[in-house]
Amino acid sequence: MVKLKKVYKSYNVDDISNDVLSNINISFKENTINTIYGNSGIGKTTLLNIVGLISKPDSGDIVIGDETINLDIDLS
């Protein structure tokens, strides 16, 4: 199982903060198919990048199985 707990992510463009994900709490259970859909620019790719450990959230926790991922390490 993969869980996101209180995940927050924003991007700064021209000194303006754009909140993309705010207080996201979601669980993806093993052996299930999940769909993520929505309008363009709503944060779908950002969410998938965080779940896939490609990007770090600004705050919050990512839990895989029973282990909370240490986001202080370089994920690249």
Foldseek 3Di string as FASTA:
>chain_A
DKWWAQFWAWDADPNDIGTQDGGDTDDDDPPDDDDDDDDPSNCPVVVVCCSVLVDPTPDTWMDDDNDTDDPVDDSD
